[in-house]
Amino acid sequence: MFCPECGSLMFPRDGVYGCSRCNCQKEIGTAQCFVTDAKSKETVVINDSVATLPKTRILCPECGHKEAFFVLRQTRSADEPETRIYRCCKCNASWREY
């Protein structure tokens, strides 16, 4: 969480986020999500609970939905590439890409 006044990092203390630079405080639980579209260079602020995993555009093999959460895991030895694990945003189907 970054301070809306000075932009420095805010830390949780006494049930609120507090800025050590300008002493600004913000309630914990008011989640914000900043979504930036690289093509149009627009930033949209969503004030709602947010998922913690990143999303990407990929076709779900089960339902055909075009958006999924993903994580990268090192499932094999260190000299092998990581495994991408996807979970569909619509039907929660999971699949891997090596």
PDB file of N, CA and C in Angstrom:
ATOM      1  N   MET A   1       0.854  -1.167   0.000  1.00  0.00           N
ATOM      2  CA  MET A   1       0.000   0.000   0.000  1.00  0.00           C
ATOM      3  C   MET A   1       0.900   1.230   0.000  1.00  0.00           C
ATOM      4  N   PHE A   2       0.637   2.155  -0.892  1.00  0.00           N
ATOM      5  CA  PHE A   2       1.403   3.382  -0.986  1.00  0.00           C
ATOM      6  C   PHE A   2       0.583   4.570  -0.498  1.00  0.00           C
ATOM      7  N   CYS A   3       1.255   5.530   0.072  1.00  0.00           N
ATOM      8  CA  CYS A   3       0.612   6.712   0.633  1.00  0.00           C
ATOM      9  C   CYS A   3       0.002   7.564  -0.485  1.00  0.00           C
ATOM     10  N   PRO A   4      -1.271   7.950  -0.361  1.00  0.00           N
ATOM     11  CA  PRO A   4      -1.885   8.796  -1.389  1.00  0.00           C
ATOM     12  C   PRO A   4      -1.359  10.225  -1.372  1.00  0.00           C
ATOM     13  N   GLU A   5      -0.729  10.644  -0.276  1.00  0.00           N
ATOM     14  CA  GLU A   5      -0.213  12.016  -0.158  1.00  0.00           C
ATOM     15  C   GLU A   5       1.189  12.158  -0.748  1.00  0.00           C
ATOM     16  N   CYS A   6       2.135  11.297  -0.266  1.00  0.00           N
ATOM     17  CA  CYS A   6       3.538  11.473  -0.667  1.00  0.00           C
ATOM     18  C   CYS A   6       4.081  10.329  -1.509  1.00  0.00           C
ATOM     19  N   GLY A   7       3.341   9.211  -1.606  1.00  0.00           N
ATOM     20  CA  GLY A   7       3.757   8.100  -2.448  1.00  0.00           C
ATOM     21  C   GLY A   7       4.707   7.118  -1.784  1.00  0.00           C
ATOM     22  N   SER A   8       5.048   7.304  -0.507  1.00  0.00           N
ATOM     23  CA  SER A   8       5.953   6.370   0.146  1.00  0.00           C
ATOM     24  C   SER A   8       5.165   5.148   0.637  1.00  0.00           C
ATOM     25  N   LEU A   9       5.881   4.100   1.008  1.00  0.00           N
ATOM     26  CA  LEU A   9       5.261   2.851   1.422  1.00  0.00           C
ATOM     27  C   LEU A   9       4.607   2.998   2.787  1.00  0.00           C
ATOM     28  N   MET A  10       3.368   2.491   2.920  1.00  0.00           N
ATOM     29  CA  MET A  10       2.642   2.541   4.190  1.00  0.00           C
ATOM     30  C   MET A  10       2.718   1.174   4.857  1.00  0.00           C
ATOM     31  N   PHE A  11       2.838   1.153   6.184  1.00  0.00           N
ATOM     32  CA  PHE A  11       2.950  -0.076   6.946  1.00  0.00           C
ATOM     33  C   PHE A  11       1.767  -0.207   7.901  1.00  0.00           C
ATOM     34  N   PRO A  12       1.292  -1.457   8.144  1.00  0.00           N
ATOM     35  CA  PRO A  12       0.186  -1.631   9.078  1.00  0.00           C
ATOM     36  C   PRO A  12       0.646  -1.439  10.523  1.00  0.00           C
ATOM     37  N   ARG A  13      -0.107  -0.648  11.282  1.00  0.00           N
ATOM     38  CA  ARG A  13       0.166  -0.464  12.707  1.00  0.00           C
ATOM     39  C   ARG A  13      -1.109   0.015  13.388  1.00  0.00           C
ATOM     40  N   ASP A  14      -1.415  -0.589  14.499  1.00  0.00           N
ATOM     41  CA  ASP A  14      -2.599  -0.234  15.301  1.00  0.00           C
ATOM     42  C   ASP A  14      -3.896  -0.268  14.494  1.00  0.00           C
ATOM     43  N   GLY A  15      -4.035  -1.236  13.589  1.00  0.00           N
ATOM     44  CA  GLY A  15      -5.279  -1.399  12.847  1.00  0.00           C
ATOM     45  C   GLY A  15      -5.459  -0.492  11.648  1.00  0.00           C
ATOM     46  N   VAL A  16      -4.458   0.308  11.304  1.00  0.00           N
ATOM     47  CA  VAL A  16      -4.516   1.185  10.126  1.00  0.00           C
ATOM     48  C   VAL A  16      -3.184   1.116   9.399  1.00  0.00           C
ATOM     49  N   TYR A  17      -3.192   1.507   8.126  1.00  0.00           N
ATOM     50  CA  TYR A  17      -1.940   1.700   7.408  1.00  0.00           C
ATOM     51  C   TYR A  17      -1.421   3.088   7.759  1.00  0.00           C
ATOM     52  N   GLY A  18      -0.141   3.192   8.106  1.00  0.00           N
ATOM     53  CA  GLY A  18       0.431   4.479   8.463  1.00  0.00           C
ATOM     54  C   GLY A  18       1.661   4.792   7.643  1.00  0.00           C
ATOM     55  N   CYS A  19       1.774   6.028   7.216  1.00  0.00           N
ATOM     56  CA  CYS A  19       2.932   6.496   6.467  1.00  0.00           C
ATOM     57  C   CYS A  19       3.948   7.058   7.448  1.00  0.00           C
ATOM     58  N   SER A  20       5.202   6.614   7.343  1.00  0.00           N
ATOM     59  CA  SER A  20       6.230   7.102   8.257  1.00  0.00           C
ATOM     60  C   SER A  20       6.783   8.456   7.832  1.00  0.00           C
ATOM     61  N   ARG A  21       6.546   8.853   6.598  1.00  0.00           N
ATOM     62  CA  ARG A  21       7.066  10.128   6.114  1.00  0.00           C
ATOM     63  C   ARG A  21       6.143  11.298   6.445  1.00  0.00           C
ATOM     64  N   CYS A  22       4.836  11.180   6.130  1.00  0.00           N
ATOM     65  CA  CYS A  22       3.926  12.313   6.313  1.00  0.00           C
ATOM     66  C   CYS A  22       2.833  12.045   7.350  1.00  0.00           C
ATOM     67  N   ASN A  23       2.876  10.872   8.019  1.00  0.00           N
ATOM     68  CA  ASN A  23       1.915  10.493   9.057  1.00  0.00           C
ATOM     69  C   ASN A  23       0.475  10.367   8.565  1.00  0.00           C
ATOM     70  N   CYS A  24       0.268  10.172   7.279  1.00  0.00           N
ATOM     71  CA  CYS A  24      -1.063   9.925   6.727  1.00  0.00           C
ATOM     72  C   CYS A  24      -1.512   8.535   7.169  1.00  0.00           C
ATOM     73  N   GLN A  25      -2.804   8.347   7.430  1.00  0.00           N
ATOM     74  CA  GLN A  25      -3.323   7.045   7.839  1.00  0.00           C
ATOM     75  C   GLN A  25      -4.493   6.644   6.953  1.00  0.00           C
ATOM     76  N   LYS A  26      -4.615   5.332   6.738  1.00  0.00           N
ATOM     77  CA  LYS A  26      -5.704   4.799   5.930  1.00  0.00           C
ATOM     78  C   LYS A  26      -6.169   3.498   6.569  1.00  0.00           C
ATOM     79  N   GLU A  27      -7.486   3.269   6.581  1.00  0.00           N
ATOM     80  CA  GLU A  27      -8.043   2.063   7.186  1.00  0.00           C
ATOM     81  C   GLU A  27      -7.589   0.817   6.447  1.00  0.00           C
ATOM     82  N   ILE A  28      -7.315  -0.228   7.210  1.00  0.00           N
ATOM     83  CA  ILE A  28      -7.025  -1.523   6.608  1.00  0.00           C
ATOM     84  C   ILE A  28      -8.359  -2.125   6.192  1.00  0.00           C
ATOM     85  N   GLY A  29      -8.408  -2.713   5.011  1.00  0.00           N
ATOM     86  CA  GLY A  29      -9.648  -3.313   4.540  1.00  0.00           C
ATOM     87  C   GLY A  29     -10.249  -2.559   3.375  1.00  0.00           C
ATOM     88  N   THR A  30      -9.761  -1.361   3.100  1.00  0.00           N
ATOM     89  CA  THR A  30     -10.208  -0.644   1.911  1.00  0.00           C
ATOM     90  C   THR A  30      -9.222  -0.976   0.798  1.00  0.00           C
ATOM     91  N   ALA A  31      -9.491  -2.077   0.102  1.00  0.00           N
ATOM     92  CA  ALA A  31      -8.577  -2.556  -0.926  1.00  0.00           C
ATOM     93  C   ALA A  31      -8.729  -1.737  -2.195  1.00  0.00           C
ATOM     94  N   GLN A  32      -7.610  -1.514  -2.860  1.00  0.00           N
ATOM     95  CA  GLN A  32      -7.622  -0.832  -4.149  1.00  0.00           C
ATOM     96  C   GLN A  32      -6.840  -1.666  -5.143  1.00  0.00           C
ATOM     97  N   CYS A  33      -7.299  -1.692  -6.345  1.00  0.00           N
ATOM     98  CA  CYS A  33      -6.614  -2.410  -7.406  1.00  0.00           C
ATOM     99  C   CYS A  33      -6.365  -1.422  -8.538  1.00  0.00           C
ATOM    100  N   PHE A  34      -5.117  -1.313  -8.973  1.00  0.00           N
ATOM    101  CA  PHE A  34      -4.772  -0.433 -10.075  1.00  0.00           C
ATOM    102  C   PHE A  34      -4.533  -1.293 -11.304  1.00  0.00           C
ATOM    103  N   VAL A  35      -5.341  -1.101 -12.341  1.00  0.00           N
ATOM    104  CA  VAL A  35      -5.228  -1.862 -13.576  1.00  0.00           C
ATOM    105  C   VAL A  35      -4.755  -0.914 -14.662  1.00  0.00           C
ATOM    106  N   THR A  36      -3.640  -1.245 -15.290  1.00  0.00           N
ATOM    107  CA  THR A  36      -3.078  -0.393 -16.326  1.00  0.00           C
ATOM    108  C   THR A  36      -3.139  -1.107 -17.659  1.00  0.00           C
ATOM    109  N   ASP A  37      -3.689  -0.446 -18.656  1.00  0.00           N
ATOM    110  CA  ASP A  37      -3.734  -0.966 -20.008  1.00  0.00           C
ATOM    111  C   ASP A  37      -2.531  -0.408 -20.762  1.00  0.00           C
ATOM    112  N   ALA A  38      -1.614  -1.273 -21.167  1.00  0.00           N
ATOM    113  CA  ALA A  38      -0.370  -0.837 -21.798  1.00  0.00           C
ATOM    114  C   ALA A  38      -0.593  -0.171 -23.152  1.00  0.00           C
ATOM    115  N   LYS A  39      -1.617  -0.602 -23.879  1.00  0.00           N
ATOM    116  CA  LYS A  39      -1.852  -0.031 -25.210  1.00  0.00           C
ATOM    117  C   LYS A  39      -2.355   1.405 -25.135  1.00  0.00           C
ATOM    118  N   SER A  40      -3.345   1.655 -24.278  1.00  0.00           N
ATOM    119  CA  SER A  40      -3.914   2.999 -24.195  1.00  0.00           C
ATOM    120  C   SER A  40      -3.281   3.842 -23.088  1.00  0.00           C
ATOM    121  N   LYS A  41      -2.434   3.222 -22.258  1.00  0.00           N
ATOM    122  CA  LYS A  41      -1.739   3.894 -21.157  1.00  0.00           C
ATOM    123  C   LYS A  41      -2.719   4.541 -20.177  1.00  0.00           C
ATOM    124  N   GLU A  42      -3.840   3.864 -19.920  1.00  0.00           N
ATOM    125  CA  GLU A  42      -4.827   4.339 -18.969  1.00  0.00           C
ATOM    126  C   GLU A  42      -4.759   3.488 -17.705  1.00  0.00           C
ATOM    127  N   THR A  43      -4.978   4.112 -16.564  1.00  0.00           N
ATOM    128  CA  THR A  43      -5.011   3.403 -15.294  1.00  0.00           C
ATOM    129  C   THR A  43      -6.407   3.506 -14.710  1.00  0.00           C
ATOM    130  N   VAL A  44      -6.979   2.364 -14.353  1.00  0.00           N
ATOM    131  CA  VAL A  44      -8.310   2.304 -13.775  1.00  0.00           C
ATOM    132  C   VAL A  44      -8.161   1.853 -12.325  1.00  0.00           C
ATOM    133  N   VAL A  45      -8.807   2.550 -11.394  1.00  0.00           N
ATOM    134  CA  VAL A  45      -8.765   2.193  -9.982  1.00  0.00           C
ATOM    135  C   VAL A  45     -10.061   1.497  -9.623  1.00  0.00           C
ATOM    136  N   ILE A  46      -9.952   0.292  -9.061  1.00  0.00           N
ATOM    137  CA  ILE A  46     -11.111  -0.475  -8.655  1.00  0.00           C
ATOM    138  C   ILE A  46     -11.086  -0.574  -7.135  1.00  0.00           C
ATOM    139  N   ASN A  47     -12.096  -0.068  -6.465  1.00  0.00           N
ATOM    140  CA  ASN A  47     -12.190  -0.147  -5.009  1.00  0.00           C
ATOM    141  C   ASN A  47     -13.051  -1.338  -4.640  1.00  0.00           C
ATOM    142  N   ASP A  48     -12.428  -2.490  -4.540  1.00  0.00           N
ATOM    143  CA  ASP A  48     -13.137  -3.720  -4.236  1.00  0.00           C
ATOM    144  C   ASP A  48     -12.109  -4.717  -3.726  1.00  0.00           C
ATOM    145  N   SER A  49     -12.560  -5.848  -3.213  1.00  0.00           N
ATOM    146  CA  SER A  49     -11.600  -6.877  -2.823  1.00  0.00           C
ATOM    147  C   SER A  49     -10.959  -7.418  -4.090  1.00  0.00           C
ATOM    148  N   VAL A  50      -9.675  -7.668  -4.043  1.00  0.00           N
ATOM    149  CA  VAL A  50      -8.939  -8.062  -5.239  1.00  0.00           C
ATOM    150  C   VAL A  50      -8.312  -9.427  -5.048  1.00  0.00           C
ATOM    151  N   ALA A  51      -8.175 -10.156  -6.135  1.00  0.00           N
ATOM    152  CA  ALA A  51      -7.441 -11.414  -6.117  1.00  0.00           C
ATOM    153  C   ALA A  51      -5.950 -11.096  -6.081  1.00  0.00           C
ATOM    154  N   THR A  52      -5.185 -11.961  -5.470  1.00  0.00           N
ATOM    155  CA  THR A  52      -3.758 -11.682  -5.324  1.00  0.00           C
ATOM    156  C   THR A  52      -2.927 -12.253  -6.456  1.00  0.00           C
ATOM    157  N   LEU A  53      -3.497 -13.085  -7.299  1.00  0.00           N
ATOM    158  CA  LEU A  53      -2.741 -13.660  -8.405  1.00  0.00           C
ATOM    159  C   LEU A  53      -2.884 -12.812  -9.662  1.00  0.00           C
ATOM    160  N   PRO A  54      -1.831 -12.768 -10.491  1.00  0.00           N
ATOM    161  CA  PRO A  54      -1.937 -12.028 -11.751  1.00  0.00           C
ATOM    162  C   PRO A  54      -2.816 -12.779 -12.747  1.00  0.00           C
ATOM    163  N   LYS A  55      -3.380 -12.032 -13.693  1.00  0.00           N
ATOM    164  CA  LYS A  55      -4.226 -12.616 -14.740  1.00  0.00           C
ATOM    165  C   LYS A  55      -3.545 -12.471 -16.087  1.00  0.00           C
ATOM    166  N   THR A  56      -3.912 -13.341 -16.996  1.00  0.00           N
ATOM    167  CA  THR A  56      -3.429 -13.253 -18.363  1.00  0.00           C
ATOM    168  C   THR A  56      -4.538 -13.685 -19.312  1.00  0.00           C
ATOM    169  N   ARG A  57      -4.381 -13.341 -20.560  1.00  0.00           N
ATOM    170  CA  ARG A  57      -5.354 -13.757 -21.586  1.00  0.00           C
ATOM    171  C   ARG A  57      -4.869 -15.061 -22.193  1.00  0.00           C
ATOM    172  N   ILE A  58      -5.606 -16.129 -21.905  1.00  0.00           N
ATOM    173  CA  ILE A  58      -5.300 -17.456 -22.447  1.00  0.00           C
ATOM    174  C   ILE A  58      -6.612 -18.224 -22.529  1.00  0.00           C
ATOM    175  N   LEU A  59      -6.738 -19.081 -23.507  1.00  0.00           N
ATOM    176  CA  LEU A  59      -7.975 -19.821 -23.741  1.00  0.00           C
ATOM    177  C   LEU A  59      -8.072 -21.011 -22.791  1.00  0.00           C
ATOM    178  N   CYS A  60      -9.171 -21.097 -22.061  1.00  0.00           N
ATOM    179  CA  CYS A  60      -9.418 -22.224 -21.154  1.00  0.00           C
ATOM    180  C   CYS A  60      -9.800 -23.448 -21.981  1.00  0.00           C
ATOM    181  N   PRO A  61      -9.139 -24.597 -21.772  1.00  0.00           N
ATOM    182  CA  PRO A  61      -9.482 -25.791 -22.549  1.00  0.00           C
ATOM    183  C   PRO A  61     -10.834 -26.400 -22.160  1.00  0.00           C
ATOM    184  N   GLU A  62     -11.365 -26.059 -20.989  1.00  0.00           N
ATOM    185  CA  GLU A  62     -12.634 -26.627 -20.539  1.00  0.00           C
ATOM    186  C   GLU A  62     -13.841 -25.826 -21.032  1.00  0.00           C
ATOM    187  N   CYS A  63     -13.848 -24.501 -20.761  1.00  0.00           N
ATOM    188  CA  CYS A  63     -15.053 -23.710 -21.065  1.00  0.00           C
ATOM    189  C   CYS A  63     -14.857 -22.691 -22.188  1.00  0.00           C
ATOM    190  N   GLY A  64     -13.616 -22.455 -22.618  1.00  0.00           N
ATOM    191  CA  GLY A  64     -13.368 -21.512 -23.699  1.00  0.00           C
ATOM    192  C   GLY A  64     -13.241 -20.060 -23.260  1.00  0.00           C
ATOM    193  N   HIS A  65     -13.307 -19.804 -21.943  1.00  0.00           N
ATOM    194  CA  HIS A  65     -13.133 -18.436 -21.433  1.00  0.00           C
ATOM    195  C   HIS A  65     -11.707 -17.978 -21.744  1.00  0.00           C
ATOM    196  N   LYS A  66     -11.502 -16.677 -21.935  1.00  0.00           N
ATOM    197  CA  LYS A  66     -10.213 -16.181 -22.412  1.00  0.00           C
ATOM    198  C   LYS A  66      -9.385 -15.474 -21.351  1.00  0.00           C
ATOM    199  N   GLU A  67      -9.607 -15.774 -20.057  1.00  0.00           N
ATOM    200  CA  GLU A  67      -8.832 -15.128 -19.006  1.00  0.00           C
ATOM    201  C   GLU A  67      -8.584 -16.129 -17.878  1.00  0.00           C
ATOM    202  N   ALA A  68      -7.350 -16.127 -17.344  1.00  0.00           N
ATOM    203  CA  ALA A  68      -7.007 -17.073 -16.285  1.00  0.00           C
ATOM    204  C   ALA A  68      -5.973 -16.458 -15.351  1.00  0.00           C
ATOM    205  N   PHE A  69      -6.003 -16.896 -14.089  1.00  0.00           N
ATOM    206  CA  PHE A  69      -4.941 -16.571 -13.145  1.00  0.00           C
ATOM    207  C   PHE A  69      -3.760 -17.483 -13.445  1.00  0.00           C
ATOM    208  N   PHE A  70      -2.538 -17.061 -13.077  1.00  0.00           N
ATOM    209  CA  PHE A  70      -1.393 -17.938 -13.299  1.00  0.00           C
ATOM    210  C   PHE A  70      -0.348 -17.772 -12.202  1.00  0.00           C
ATOM    211  N   VAL A  71       0.436 -18.839 -12.006  1.00  0.00           N
ATOM    212  CA  VAL A  71       1.608 -18.825 -11.125  1.00  0.00           C
ATOM    213  C   VAL A  71       2.730 -19.550 -11.843  1.00  0.00           C
ATOM    214  N   LEU A  72       3.954 -19.222 -11.491  1.00  0.00           N
ATOM    215  CA  LEU A  72       5.130 -19.903 -12.025  1.00  0.00           C
ATOM    216  C   LEU A  72       5.747 -20.726 -10.911  1.00  0.00           C
ATOM    217  N   ARG A  73       6.009 -22.000 -11.170  1.00  0.00           N
ATOM    218  CA  ARG A  73       6.608 -22.902 -10.179  1.00  0.00           C
ATOM    219  C   ARG A  73       7.779 -23.643 -10.810  1.00  0.00           C
ATOM    220  N   GLN A  74       8.807 -23.850 -10.027  1.00  0.00           N
ATOM    221  CA  GLN A  74       9.945 -24.650 -10.471  1.00  0.00           C
ATOM    222  C   GLN A  74       9.651 -26.097 -10.072  1.00  0.00           C
ATOM    223  N   THR A  75       9.060 -26.884 -10.979  1.00  0.00           N
ATOM    224  CA  THR A  75       8.633 -28.243 -10.648  1.00  0.00           C
ATOM    225  C   THR A  75       9.682 -29.284 -10.995  1.00  0.00           C
ATOM    226  N   ARG A  76      10.664 -28.919 -11.791  1.00  0.00           N
ATOM    227  CA  ARG A  76      11.725 -29.853 -12.170  1.00  0.00           C
ATOM    228  C   ARG A  76      13.055 -29.322 -11.663  1.00  0.00           C
ATOM    229  N   SER A  77      14.149 -29.827 -12.181  1.00  0.00           N
ATOM    230  CA  SER A  77      15.463 -29.387 -11.709  1.00  0.00           C
ATOM    231  C   SER A  77      15.720 -27.935 -12.094  1.00  0.00           C
ATOM    232  N   ALA A  78      16.732 -27.346 -11.487  1.00  0.00           N
ATOM    233  CA  ALA A  78      16.989 -25.916 -11.644  1.00  0.00           C
ATOM    234  C   ALA A  78      17.396 -25.521 -13.061  1.00  0.00           C
ATOM    235  N   ASP A  79      17.946 -26.440 -13.826  1.00  0.00           N
ATOM    236  CA  ASP A  79      18.371 -26.091 -15.181  1.00  0.00           C
ATOM    237  C   ASP A  79      17.236 -26.226 -16.198  1.00  0.00           C
ATOM    238  N   GLU A  80      16.051 -26.609 -15.763  1.00  0.00           N
ATOM    239  CA  GLU A  80      14.872 -26.702 -16.622  1.00  0.00           C
ATOM    240  C   GLU A  80      14.021 -25.441 -16.463  1.00  0.00           C
ATOM    241  N   PRO A  81      13.233 -25.065 -17.463  1.00  0.00           N
ATOM    242  CA  PRO A  81      12.368 -23.882 -17.311  1.00  0.00           C
ATOM    243  C   PRO A  81      11.240 -24.136 -16.314  1.00  0.00           C
ATOM    244  N   GLU A  82      10.684 -23.059 -15.781  1.00  0.00           N
ATOM    245  CA  GLU A  82       9.604 -23.192 -14.807  1.00  0.00           C
ATOM    246  C   GLU A  82       8.306 -23.648 -15.475  1.00  0.00           C
ATOM    247  N   THR A  83       7.381 -24.137 -14.656  1.00  0.00           N
ATOM    248  CA  THR A  83       6.073 -24.589 -15.128  1.00  0.00           C
ATOM    249  C   THR A  83       5.058 -23.480 -14.872  1.00  0.00           C
ATOM    250  N   ARG A  84       4.250 -23.141 -15.868  1.00  0.00           N
ATOM    251  CA  ARG A  84       3.181 -22.164 -15.713  1.00  0.00           C
ATOM    252  C   ARG A  84       1.896 -22.917 -15.396  1.00  0.00           C
ATOM    253  N   ILE A  85       1.281 -22.584 -14.268  1.00  0.00           N
ATOM    254  CA  ILE A  85       0.037 -23.220 -13.843  1.00  0.00           C
ATOM    255  C   ILE A  85      -1.072 -22.180 -13.956  1.00  0.00           C
ATOM    256  N   TYR A  86      -2.111 -22.512 -14.699  1.00  0.00           N
ATOM    257  CA  TYR A  86      -3.223 -21.593 -14.957  1.00  0.00           C
ATOM    258  C   TYR A  86      -4.481 -22.080 -14.246  1.00  0.00           C
ATOM    259  N   ARG A  87      -5.353 -21.134 -13.864  1.00  0.00           N
ATOM    260  CA  ARG A  87      -6.684 -21.449 -13.314  1.00  0.00           C
ATOM    261  C   ARG A  87      -7.663 -20.475 -13.960  1.00  0.00           C
ATOM    262  N   CYS A  88      -8.667 -21.027 -14.629  1.00  0.00           N
ATOM    263  CA  CYS A  88      -9.668 -20.233 -15.337  1.00  0.00           C
ATOM    264  C   CYS A  88     -10.438 -19.338 -14.360  1.00  0.00           C
ATOM    265  N   CYS A  89     -10.657 -18.097 -14.745  1.00  0.00           N
ATOM    266  CA  CYS A  89     -11.408 -17.146 -13.916  1.00  0.00           C
ATOM    267  C   CYS A  89     -12.894 -17.479 -13.865  1.00  0.00           C
ATOM    268  N   LYS A  90     -13.392 -18.204 -14.862  1.00  0.00           N
ATOM    269  CA  LYS A  90     -14.825 -18.489 -14.937  1.00  0.00           C
ATOM    270  C   LYS A  90     -15.186 -19.840 -14.312  1.00  0.00           C
ATOM    271  N   CYS A  91     -14.516 -20.926 -14.726  1.00  0.00           N
ATOM    272  CA  CYS A  91     -14.917 -22.267 -14.285  1.00  0.00           C
ATOM    273  C   CYS A  91     -13.939 -22.905 -13.295  1.00  0.00           C
ATOM    274  N   ASN A  92     -12.851 -22.231 -12.952  1.00  0.00           N
ATOM    275  CA  ASN A  92     -11.834 -22.710 -12.009  1.00  0.00           C
ATOM    276  C   ASN A  92     -11.100 -23.966 -12.466  1.00  0.00           C
ATOM    277  N   ALA A  93     -11.126 -24.274 -13.753  1.00  0.00           N
ATOM    278  CA  ALA A  93     -10.360 -25.411 -14.274  1.00  0.00           C
ATOM    279  C   ALA A  93      -8.868 -25.046 -14.215  1.00  0.00           C
ATOM    280  N   SER A  94      -8.024 -26.042 -13.915  1.00  0.00           N
ATOM    281  CA  SER A  94      -6.575 -25.809 -13.842  1.00  0.00           C
ATOM    282  C   SER A  94      -5.871 -26.614 -14.928  1.00  0.00           C
ATOM    283  N   TRP A  95      -4.791 -26.067 -15.471  1.00  0.00           N
ATOM    284  CA  TRP A  95      -3.954 -26.762 -16.426  1.00  0.00           C
ATOM    285  C   TRP A  95      -2.546 -26.201 -16.348  1.00  0.00           C
ATOM    286  N   ARG A  96      -1.596 -26.960 -16.916  1.00  0.00           N
ATOM    287  CA  ARG A  96      -0.187 -26.588 -16.855  1.00  0.00           C
ATOM    288  C   ARG A  96       0.369 -26.374 -18.250  1.00  0.00           C
ATOM    289  N   GLU A  97       1.415 -25.598 -18.314  1.00  0.00           N
ATOM    290  CA  GLU A  97       2.174 -25.397 -19.535  1.00  0.00           C
ATOM    291  C   GLU A  97       3.641 -25.523 -19.173  1.00  0.00           C
ATOM    292  N   TYR A  98       4.340 -26.480 -19.791  1.00  0.00           N
ATOM    293  CA  TYR A  98       5.756 -26.693 -19.465  1.00  0.00           C
ATOM    294  C   TYR A  98       6.654 -25.894 -20.359  1.00  0.00           C
TER     295      TYR A  98
END
